[in-house]
Each structure stands twice: as structure tokens, then as C-alpha cells.
Amino acid sequence: MRFADIIGQELVVAKLRSLAEQNRLSHALLLLARPGTGGLPLAVAFAQYLLCDAVQDPAPSLFDSKDSHAMPPDSCGTCPSCRKVSALAHPDLHFSYPVISRKPGTPSLSTDFAAEWREFVGQYPYGNDFDWLQSIGAENRQGKIFAAECIDIHRRLTLKSYEGRLKILILWMPEYLEKEGNRLLKLIEEPPLGTLILLVAEEYGEILPTIGSRSQLVRLPPIEAPSIAKALAARCGTEESRAESIAAMSDGSYREALALLQHHEDDWLSVAREWLNAILRNGPVAQVRWVEEISKHGREKQKQFLRYMCHLVEASIRIQTMGATTAGCQGPEADFAEKLNRVAGLGQLQAMAAEMERCAYQIERNAHAKILFLSLSVRLQHILRDNVVLLIS
């Protein structure tokens, strides 16, 4: 994987390249990226860049001074090292990630799932921890980075480099370390010579403070909508207008954009109209009937609908604050956003968006869908009819 394969994140790529070129890389780098913004693929691309033969041994130029250390802008992608990294099979590139026990009471190592990991990163590089754990059959079991894994990390990184260059560890989701992460503190603070540790995390507050404080933090921002739209058109063959619409709803996450694309045939606008009519006109019986229908959908579709509703509410807010030309939607969606503005002010729209975001968060954590959507309907009714925001501690 090369920098050219990363969606957006040009400023972060330039920063990493500059750190390498100026020899200012920390012994441990923490890439903090929300799900779907490219933390893992960027870590792999950076590892490939550092291990690339063309980067390690640049060809001399007639016009370069002897002290020049200029590096190529990207890995070549064709040398033996690049091919090994692309296959996730380079002997000096190590991975650690949350796994499940294959046998009850027996801790597993990342290396036990190496084949599944290569397949997952190859097919879903922008996937999150839920996607990974489901791909290895976790179901309701919790993933974990076991104490045995920390011991194995020590063993792998204290070995001599196979190719005499850098040894790189990509530790994905250090949030799963829990107290076992204290075993790695000394290694992160003072790794063996020629060793780089790349930690890829989503929530800084979930990482052990002692690990976060020993790492150089690099934050990845949400991916810009034009970059997501371009990637959808190039990689998935999505029609340009559809790609732009999905990118606007993706909240800067390519993973979310792919999920929206998968369900792009769902008529969420009709579902949204029916819901608001039940809330504002048709009464409790219609609300219960609507809740019964939405509850028949799976968790992912329920989240997609809430994401779509937030997109429409955000479009209404933009129309109120910046005008219709910057709404980010068109046609029937723009008409819906205009009509929503007739019954809701700016404060009400913001309260609606907050309630739906909270509901989506709870759905991710397996809350009961019927109870959630019925409660959400009642709360939105109070917001829209009575301009009241119910506060629950």
C-alpha cells in the first residue's frame, strides 16, 4: 500500500514524510483516527515507505550534494520490500491487534490469526474493530490483546532485523490493551535500536495514559467529502452525483460511505416523511406502527437511517444559516429540508440531531431497537411541538 492509495489525508502524509526526511521520527508514533478515516492503511503505507528499497537506498544524482538526504515522495511499490509489505508478509513488519480465544481459557496471539488479518486488511482496510472481530467469528465474544501478546511483542522486537534495516510494529487498537499494556511501557519508551512502533487508535481517552504520554501524537482529521466522492467513483464505479450525495452524508468516514453505498437503494426519504408525519400529525398509533417497521431492519440499516436523518437535519441548518445553495442536497431532499425548516427553528434542529446521534450510539451497543425508537419519537415530538428538550442524566 502506497501513500497514493490513501484517500485524502494529504497534510498528514506530508507531515509523516517530513518527519522521516528530517530524521525526527519518534520511537513510538500514535496515529489517532476516527473509524473510516484511514489510520490503519496510512500506518501500512508509512511502513512500506520506510522499508522501500528506493527510499532506503536512493540512487545518487549528479546534482545532489553529498550531504543531501532528500527522499522520494512515495514508496516505489515494485521493489521486493514493497511487494512484501503489500502482501503483509515482510519479515521486519509486525502486527498486533485484538483477537479472541480459539479455546476457552487459552489466550491467543495475533500471529494465530495472520491469514485472516491479511485477508481483512486486503478487503476492508478502512474497517473498524467490530468488522475485524466479526470476520474472525467473535459474535458476542469480546476481543482483547492478551498478556501473552505483550510478551510475544517483546520477543519479536528484540530479535535482529531480518534485512538489516528497520523493524516496525503496527499495534492496531491499543484501547484493547487494558492493564496488560503496562508490560509494554519500557519497550515503548526505549525500544531496541532501529525499531519503530506505530500505534493506531480511535479513542485517545480509552488508551492507557502511560502509553499515550510516551508516544508522539498524530491526529487524522475526517476525510473531506470531495476525496470520498472521488474514491467512490474510481473504486466502486459510483455515479458522480450519487457519490457526492453519499460523501456528504458520510461524516468524513470512507467506511460509512461504503455502508451508505451498500444500502443506496433504500428509500430512506419516504421512511423519514412517514416518521415525521406520525410524530406531528397522526398520533401515537402511527408512531408505534412506524417503530414496529423500523425495528424489523438490522442494526446497520437502523444506523444508516439515523445517519440519513442527521444529514437532512444538517441540510436544514445550513439552509437557515448559509442559504439553500450550500445545503449539500438537492431535489426531493432539499424540498424536505425546506419543509422541516417551517416547523423547526435552529435550536430545535440542533436538539433533534443530538438526539439521533445519541440513539445511533446506543444502537451500536446493542440497545433494544423498539424501546430506543419509541423513546426517540416521543422526545422529537416534544422538541418539535412544544420546543422542549428532555434531559435524562
Protein backbone atom coordinates (compact mmCIF):
# COMPACT_ATOMS: atom_id res chain seq x y z
CA MET A 1 0.00 0.00 0.00
CA ARG A 2 1.40 3.37 -1.06
CA PHE A 3 0.61 6.92 0.04
CA ALA A 4 -1.12 7.28 -3.35
CA ASP A 5 -3.65 4.65 -2.23
CA ILE A 6 -4.71 6.66 0.83
CA ILE A 7 -7.97 8.57 0.49
CA GLY A 8 -7.37 12.22 1.38
CA GLN A 9 -5.11 12.93 4.41
CA GLU A 10 -2.57 14.82 2.25
CA LEU A 11 -1.45 17.02 5.15
CA VAL A 12 -0.85 14.06 7.46
CA VAL A 13 1.08 12.22 4.73
CA ALA A 14 3.24 15.31 4.18
CA LYS A 15 3.90 15.53 7.93
CA LEU A 16 4.96 11.89 8.21
CA ARG A 17 7.18 12.18 5.15
CA SER A 18 8.77 15.33 6.58
CA LEU A 19 9.45 13.63 9.93
CA ALA A 20 11.19 10.78 8.12
CA GLU A 21 13.17 13.04 5.81
CA GLN A 22 14.39 15.27 8.63
CA ASN A 23 15.16 12.25 10.84
CA ARG A 24 12.76 13.49 13.54
CA LEU A 25 10.69 10.34 13.92
CA SER A 26 9.83 9.41 17.48
CA HIS A 27 10.42 5.86 18.71
CA ALA A 28 6.64 5.50 19.06
CA LEU A 29 4.05 7.23 16.89
CA LEU A 30 0.35 7.29 17.82
CA LEU A 31 -1.98 7.75 14.84
CA LEU A 32 -5.33 8.85 16.25
CA ALA A 33 -8.06 8.34 13.66
CA ARG A 34 -11.82 8.02 13.86
CA PRO A 35 -13.25 4.85 12.25
CA GLY A 36 -13.10 5.00 8.48
CA THR A 37 -10.63 7.89 8.22
CA GLY A 38 -7.64 5.74 7.29
CA GLY A 39 -5.49 5.15 10.37
CA LEU A 40 -4.61 1.54 9.55
CA PRO A 41 -3.98 1.94 5.78
CA LEU A 42 -1.89 5.03 6.47
CA ALA A 43 0.23 3.11 9.01
CA VAL A 44 0.81 0.33 6.46
CA ALA A 45 1.64 2.85 3.72
CA PHE A 46 4.10 4.62 6.04
CA ALA A 47 5.73 1.31 6.96
CA GLN A 48 6.07 0.46 3.26
CA TYR A 49 7.60 3.89 2.63
CA LEU A 50 10.21 3.42 5.36
CA LEU A 51 11.08 -0.12 4.25
CA CYS A 52 11.08 0.62 0.50
CA ASP A 53 14.43 -0.05 -1.22
CA ALA A 54 14.16 3.19 -3.22
CA VAL A 55 13.66 5.19 -0.01
CA GLN A 56 16.34 3.37 1.96
CA ASP A 57 18.94 3.48 -0.84
CA PRO A 58 18.09 6.38 -3.16
CA ALA A 59 20.02 6.45 -6.41
CA PRO A 60 22.67 9.18 -6.37
CA SER A 61 22.06 12.23 -8.53
CA LEU A 62 24.72 14.20 -10.35
CA PHE A 63 23.36 17.43 -8.92
CA ASP A 64 22.85 16.30 -5.30
CA SER A 65 25.31 17.38 -2.67
CA LYS A 66 26.97 14.69 -0.58
CA ASP A 67 25.02 15.81 2.47
CA SER A 68 21.60 15.69 0.77
CA HIS A 69 19.06 13.35 2.31
CA ALA A 70 16.12 14.07 0.03
CA MET A 71 13.69 11.15 -0.05
CA PRO A 72 11.21 10.14 -2.76
CA PRO A 73 7.63 11.35 -2.24
CA ASP A 74 6.27 7.78 -2.11
CA SER A 75 7.36 4.17 -2.00
CA CYS A 76 8.07 2.64 -5.39
CA GLY A 77 5.57 -0.19 -4.99
CA THR A 78 7.66 -2.55 -7.15
CA CYS A 79 10.78 -3.43 -5.16
CA PRO A 80 10.92 -6.70 -3.16
CA SER A 81 10.32 -4.86 0.12
CA CYS A 82 7.24 -3.05 -1.20
CA ARG A 83 5.79 -6.27 -2.57
CA LYS A 84 6.29 -7.99 0.79
CA VAL A 85 4.66 -5.15 2.71
CA SER A 86 1.73 -5.05 0.25
CA ALA A 87 1.20 -8.74 0.98
CA LEU A 88 1.60 -8.04 4.73
CA ALA A 89 4.41 -10.60 4.71
CA HIS A 90 7.54 -8.51 5.29
CA PRO A 91 9.70 -10.18 7.97
CA ASP A 92 10.51 -6.83 9.59
CA LEU A 93 6.89 -5.61 9.69
CA HIS A 94 4.98 -6.96 12.69
CA PHE A 95 1.30 -6.57 13.60
CA SER A 96 -0.60 -6.80 16.86
CA TYR A 97 -4.37 -6.44 17.13
CA PRO A 98 -7.28 -7.60 19.30
CA VAL A 99 -8.22 -11.27 18.93
CA ILE A 100 -10.44 -13.83 20.61
CA SER A 101 -9.52 -17.09 22.31
CA ARG A 102 -9.74 -20.05 19.97
CA LYS A 103 -10.19 -22.28 23.03
CA PRO A 104 -11.93 -21.15 26.23
CA GLY A 105 -9.40 -20.13 28.86
CA THR A 106 -6.50 -20.16 26.38
CA PRO A 107 -5.14 -16.76 25.28
CA SER A 108 -4.50 -16.30 21.56
CA LEU A 109 -1.77 -14.37 19.75
CA SER A 110 -2.12 -12.08 16.74
CA THR A 111 0.05 -14.48 14.76
CA ASP A 112 -2.62 -17.15 15.23
CA PHE A 113 -4.89 -15.05 13.00
CA ALA A 114 -2.28 -13.93 10.45
CA ALA A 115 -4.11 -15.37 7.43
CA GLU A 116 -7.43 -13.81 8.47
CA TRP A 117 -5.68 -10.49 9.13
CA ARG A 118 -4.12 -10.36 5.66
CA GLU A 119 -7.49 -11.06 4.08
CA PHE A 120 -9.25 -8.45 6.23
CA VAL A 121 -6.75 -5.65 5.55
CA GLY A 122 -6.73 -6.51 1.86
CA GLN A 123 -10.52 -6.34 1.55
CA TYR A 124 -11.54 -3.86 4.29
CA PRO A 125 -8.58 -1.55 5.01
CA TYR A 126 -10.99 1.12 6.31
CA GLY A 127 -12.89 -1.33 8.54
CA ASN A 128 -13.10 -0.92 12.31
CA ASP A 129 -12.62 -3.28 15.24
CA PHE A 130 -16.23 -4.52 15.01
CA ASP A 131 -15.71 -5.51 11.37
CA TRP A 132 -12.48 -7.33 12.24
CA LEU A 133 -13.88 -9.24 15.20
CA GLN A 134 -16.95 -10.32 13.25
CA SER A 135 -14.73 -11.51 10.40
CA ILE A 136 -13.00 -13.95 12.77
CA GLY A 137 -16.28 -15.20 14.24
CA ALA A 138 -16.25 -13.29 17.52
CA GLU A 139 -20.05 -12.90 17.54
CA ASN A 140 -20.80 -11.83 21.14
CA ARG A 141 -17.32 -12.56 22.49
CA GLN A 142 -15.10 -9.64 23.46
CA GLY A 143 -11.84 -9.08 21.63
CA LYS A 144 -8.71 -8.50 23.64
CA ILE A 145 -4.96 -8.01 23.41
CA PHE A 146 -3.79 -10.59 25.93
CA ALA A 147 -0.82 -10.51 28.26
CA ALA A 148 0.70 -13.31 26.19
CA GLU A 149 0.60 -10.99 23.18
CA CYS A 150 2.62 -8.36 25.06
CA ILE A 151 5.24 -10.98 25.89
CA ASP A 152 5.32 -12.03 22.21
CA ILE A 153 5.75 -8.39 21.13
CA HIS A 154 8.83 -8.18 23.35
CA ARG A 155 10.18 -11.37 21.80
CA ARG A 156 9.61 -10.24 18.21
CA LEU A 157 11.09 -6.76 18.63
CA THR A 158 14.21 -7.91 20.45
CA LEU A 159 15.15 -10.18 17.53
CA LYS A 160 17.62 -8.84 15.00
CA SER A 161 16.17 -7.29 11.85
CA TYR A 162 15.96 -9.86 9.04
CA GLU A 163 17.02 -7.41 6.34
CA GLY A 164 19.30 -5.28 8.48
CA ARG A 165 17.09 -2.19 8.44
CA LEU A 166 14.12 -1.00 10.46
CA LYS A 167 11.84 -3.22 12.49
CA ILE A 168 8.31 -1.83 12.57
CA LEU A 169 5.41 -2.85 14.81
CA ILE A 170 1.89 -1.70 13.92
CA LEU A 171 -0.21 -2.04 17.08
CA TRP A 172 -3.83 -1.60 16.00
CA MET A 173 -6.44 -0.63 18.59
CA PRO A 174 -4.26 -0.21 21.72
CA GLU A 175 -7.55 0.55 23.51
CA TYR A 176 -7.88 -3.23 23.92
CA LEU A 177 -4.66 -3.50 25.95
CA GLU A 178 -6.23 -2.57 29.29
CA LYS A 179 -3.84 -3.06 32.22
CA GLU A 180 -1.75 -5.57 30.23
CA GLY A 181 -0.39 -2.56 28.34
CA ASN A 182 1.84 -1.73 31.32
CA ARG A 183 4.04 -4.62 30.18
CA LEU A 184 4.90 -2.58 27.07
CA LEU A 185 5.82 0.71 28.75
CA LYS A 186 9.56 0.10 28.87
CA LEU A 187 9.56 -1.17 25.28
CA ILE A 188 7.63 1.87 24.01
CA GLU A 189 9.84 4.28 25.94
CA GLU A 190 13.14 2.67 24.97
CA PRO A 191 12.67 0.27 22.05
CA PRO A 192 15.64 -1.63 20.61
CA LEU A 193 17.82 0.30 18.16
CA GLY A 194 16.26 0.58 14.72
CA THR A 195 12.73 -0.12 15.94
CA LEU A 196 9.64 1.97 15.24
CA ILE A 197 6.28 1.38 16.95
CA LEU A 198 3.16 2.68 15.20
CA LEU A 199 0.06 2.68 17.37
CA VAL A 200 -3.25 3.16 15.55
CA ALA A 201 -6.14 4.17 17.83
CA GLU A 202 -9.66 5.59 17.61
CA GLU A 203 -10.33 6.91 21.13
CA TYR A 204 -7.49 8.63 22.97
CA GLY A 205 -9.36 8.52 26.27
CA GLU A 206 -9.53 4.71 26.11
CA ILE A 207 -5.74 4.29 25.86
CA LEU A 208 -3.66 3.83 28.98
CA PRO A 209 -2.35 7.33 29.86
CA THR A 210 1.12 5.90 30.40
CA ILE A 211 1.17 4.68 26.79
CA GLY A 212 -0.27 7.87 25.30
CA SER A 213 2.26 10.04 27.11
CA ARG A 214 5.16 8.01 25.70
CA SER A 215 4.06 8.39 22.06
CA GLN A 216 4.20 11.19 19.52
CA LEU A 217 0.59 12.02 18.67
CA VAL A 218 -0.53 12.50 15.06
CA ARG A 219 -4.24 13.20 14.57
CA LEU A 220 -6.05 12.28 11.36
CA PRO A 221 -8.95 14.63 10.53
CA PRO A 222 -12.17 13.45 8.87
CA ILE A 223 -11.72 12.84 5.15
CA GLU A 224 -13.03 15.67 3.01
CA ALA A 225 -16.22 14.90 1.07
CA PRO A 226 -14.67 15.52 -2.42
CA SER A 227 -11.95 12.94 -1.68
CA ILE A 228 -14.56 10.37 -0.60
CA ALA A 229 -16.68 11.07 -3.68
CA LYS A 230 -13.65 10.69 -5.94
CA ALA A 231 -12.73 7.38 -4.28
CA LEU A 232 -16.29 6.04 -4.62
CA ALA A 233 -16.34 6.93 -8.31
CA ALA A 234 -12.89 5.46 -9.01
CA ARG A 235 -13.01 2.33 -6.82
CA CYS A 236 -16.70 1.41 -6.87
CA GLY A 237 -17.83 2.88 -10.19
CA THR A 238 -20.43 5.03 -8.44
CA GLU A 239 -22.21 7.65 -10.48
CA GLU A 240 -20.77 11.11 -9.78
CA SER A 241 -23.95 12.70 -8.40
CA ARG A 242 -24.65 9.67 -6.21
CA ALA A 243 -21.05 9.62 -4.97
CA GLU A 244 -21.27 13.29 -3.99
CA SER A 245 -24.55 12.72 -2.13
CA ILE A 246 -23.13 9.74 -0.21
CA ALA A 247 -19.90 11.60 0.58
CA ALA A 248 -21.92 14.47 2.07
CA MET A 249 -23.65 12.02 4.44
CA SER A 250 -20.55 10.01 5.36
CA ASP A 251 -19.32 12.36 8.10
CA GLY A 252 -15.74 12.11 6.81
CA SER A 253 -15.62 8.31 7.05
CA TYR A 254 -14.95 6.15 3.99
CA ARG A 255 -16.25 3.13 5.89
CA GLU A 256 -19.55 4.94 6.46
CA ALA A 257 -19.63 5.91 2.78
CA LEU A 258 -19.27 2.26 1.72
CA ALA A 259 -22.08 1.27 4.10
CA LEU A 260 -24.32 4.00 2.67
CA LEU A 261 -23.47 2.85 -0.85
CA GLN A 262 -24.44 -0.71 0.06
CA HIS A 263 -27.92 0.47 1.07
CA HIS A 264 -28.29 3.22 -1.53
CA GLU A 265 -31.47 1.64 -2.92
CA ASP A 266 -33.32 2.03 0.38
CA ASP A 267 -35.90 4.80 0.17
CA TRP A 268 -34.98 6.49 3.44
CA LEU A 269 -36.68 9.74 2.38
CA SER A 270 -40.11 8.06 2.38
CA VAL A 271 -39.34 6.49 5.76
CA ALA A 272 -38.34 9.93 7.11
CA ARG A 273 -41.56 11.52 5.80
CA GLU A 274 -43.68 8.78 7.38
CA TRP A 275 -41.86 9.17 10.70
CA LEU A 276 -42.30 12.94 10.96
CA ASN A 277 -45.94 12.70 9.87
CA ALA A 278 -46.52 10.15 12.65
CA ILE A 279 -44.83 12.47 15.16
CA LEU A 280 -46.55 15.71 14.10
CA ARG A 281 -49.93 14.62 12.70
CA ASN A 282 -51.00 11.01 13.04
CA GLY A 283 -50.51 10.35 16.72
CA PRO A 284 -49.26 7.50 18.96
CA VAL A 285 -50.78 4.63 16.99
CA ALA A 286 -48.93 5.69 13.83
CA GLN A 287 -45.73 6.14 15.83
CA VAL A 288 -45.96 2.61 17.25
CA ARG A 289 -46.67 1.22 13.77
CA TRP A 290 -43.63 3.06 12.37
CA VAL A 291 -41.43 1.81 15.24
CA GLU A 292 -42.53 -1.77 14.52
CA GLU A 293 -41.44 -1.38 10.89
CA ILE A 294 -38.05 0.21 11.57
CA SER A 295 -37.34 -2.44 14.21
CA LYS A 296 -37.55 -5.16 11.54
CA HIS A 297 -34.41 -3.77 9.92
CA GLY A 298 -30.99 -4.86 11.13
CA ARG A 299 -28.78 -2.72 13.32
CA GLU A 300 -26.68 -1.44 10.41
CA LYS A 301 -29.74 -0.28 8.46
CA GLN A 302 -31.14 1.45 11.53
CA LYS A 303 -27.85 3.32 11.91
CA GLN A 304 -27.90 4.22 8.21
CA PHE A 305 -31.38 5.69 8.55
CA LEU A 306 -30.37 7.80 11.54
CA ARG A 307 -27.29 8.96 9.65
CA TYR A 308 -29.54 9.92 6.73
CA MET A 309 -31.90 11.81 9.04
CA CYS A 310 -28.96 13.71 10.55
CA HIS A 311 -27.88 14.60 7.01
CA LEU A 312 -31.33 16.09 6.29
CA VAL A 313 -31.38 17.98 9.60
CA GLU A 314 -27.88 19.34 8.94
CA ALA A 315 -29.04 20.43 5.48
CA SER A 316 -31.91 22.32 7.12
CA ILE A 317 -29.47 24.01 9.48
CA ARG A 318 -27.25 25.05 6.58
CA ILE A 319 -30.25 26.47 4.72
CA GLN A 320 -31.17 28.56 7.76
CA THR A 321 -27.64 29.80 8.40
CA MET A 322 -25.98 29.96 4.96
CA GLY A 323 -28.71 29.69 2.32
CA ALA A 324 -30.07 26.96 0.09
CA THR A 325 -27.09 26.82 -2.28
CA THR A 326 -24.84 25.34 0.44
CA ALA A 327 -27.32 22.79 1.77
CA GLY A 328 -25.44 19.77 0.41
CA CYS A 329 -28.59 18.13 -1.03
CA GLN A 330 -30.88 18.68 -3.97
CA GLY A 331 -34.24 17.67 -5.43
CA PRO A 332 -36.66 15.94 -3.02
CA GLU A 333 -34.10 16.04 -0.19
CA ALA A 334 -33.75 19.83 -0.49
CA ASP A 335 -37.57 20.15 -0.54
CA PHE A 336 -37.79 18.02 2.62
CA ALA A 337 -35.15 20.18 4.34
CA GLU A 338 -37.06 23.35 3.39
CA LYS A 339 -40.31 21.95 4.82
CA LEU A 340 -38.54 20.89 8.01
CA ASN A 341 -37.46 24.49 8.49
CA ARG A 342 -41.13 25.54 8.54
CA VAL A 343 -41.79 23.53 11.70
CA ALA A 344 -38.41 23.75 13.47
CA GLY A 345 -36.09 26.57 14.41
CA LEU A 346 -32.32 26.37 14.62
CA GLY A 347 -32.28 25.30 18.28
CA GLN A 348 -34.87 22.59 17.66
CA LEU A 349 -32.90 21.20 14.70
CA GLN A 350 -29.72 21.05 16.76
CA ALA A 351 -31.58 19.23 19.55
CA MET A 352 -33.00 16.74 17.03
CA ALA A 353 -29.56 15.98 15.61
CA ALA A 354 -28.14 15.43 19.11
CA GLU A 355 -30.98 13.02 19.99
CA MET A 356 -30.50 10.97 16.81
CA GLU A 357 -26.71 10.81 17.28
CA ARG A 358 -27.29 9.53 20.81
CA CYS A 359 -29.72 6.92 19.52
CA ALA A 360 -27.23 5.72 16.87
CA TYR A 361 -24.55 5.43 19.58
CA GLN A 362 -26.86 3.26 21.69
CA ILE A 363 -27.80 1.06 18.72
CA GLU A 364 -24.10 0.31 18.21
CA ARG A 365 -24.08 -1.02 21.75
CA ASN A 366 -26.97 -3.41 21.18
CA ALA A 367 -29.69 -1.41 22.91
CA HIS A 368 -33.29 -2.58 22.31
CA ALA A 369 -34.38 -1.01 19.00
CA LYS A 370 -38.12 -0.73 19.72
CA ILE A 371 -37.59 1.00 23.05
CA LEU A 372 -34.96 3.31 21.56
CA PHE A 373 -37.02 4.44 18.57
CA LEU A 374 -40.22 4.84 20.56
CA SER A 375 -38.38 6.94 23.13
CA LEU A 376 -36.73 8.94 20.34
CA SER A 377 -40.10 9.57 18.68
CA VAL A 378 -41.56 10.92 21.92
CA ARG A 379 -38.54 13.15 22.50
CA LEU A 380 -38.68 14.53 18.95
CA GLN A 381 -42.40 15.19 19.40
CA HIS A 382 -41.67 17.31 22.46
CA ILE A 383 -38.89 19.14 20.62
CA LEU A 384 -41.00 19.91 17.55
CA ARG A 385 -44.41 20.54 19.13
CA ASP A 386 -43.52 22.00 22.48
CA ASN A 387 -39.97 23.23 21.82
CA VAL A 388 -38.89 21.23 24.86
CA VAL A 389 -35.66 19.27 25.24
CA LEU A 390 -35.99 16.42 27.75
CA LEU A 391 -32.84 15.93 29.79
CA ILE A 392 -32.05 12.47 31.14
CA SER A 393 -28.95 12.04 33.25
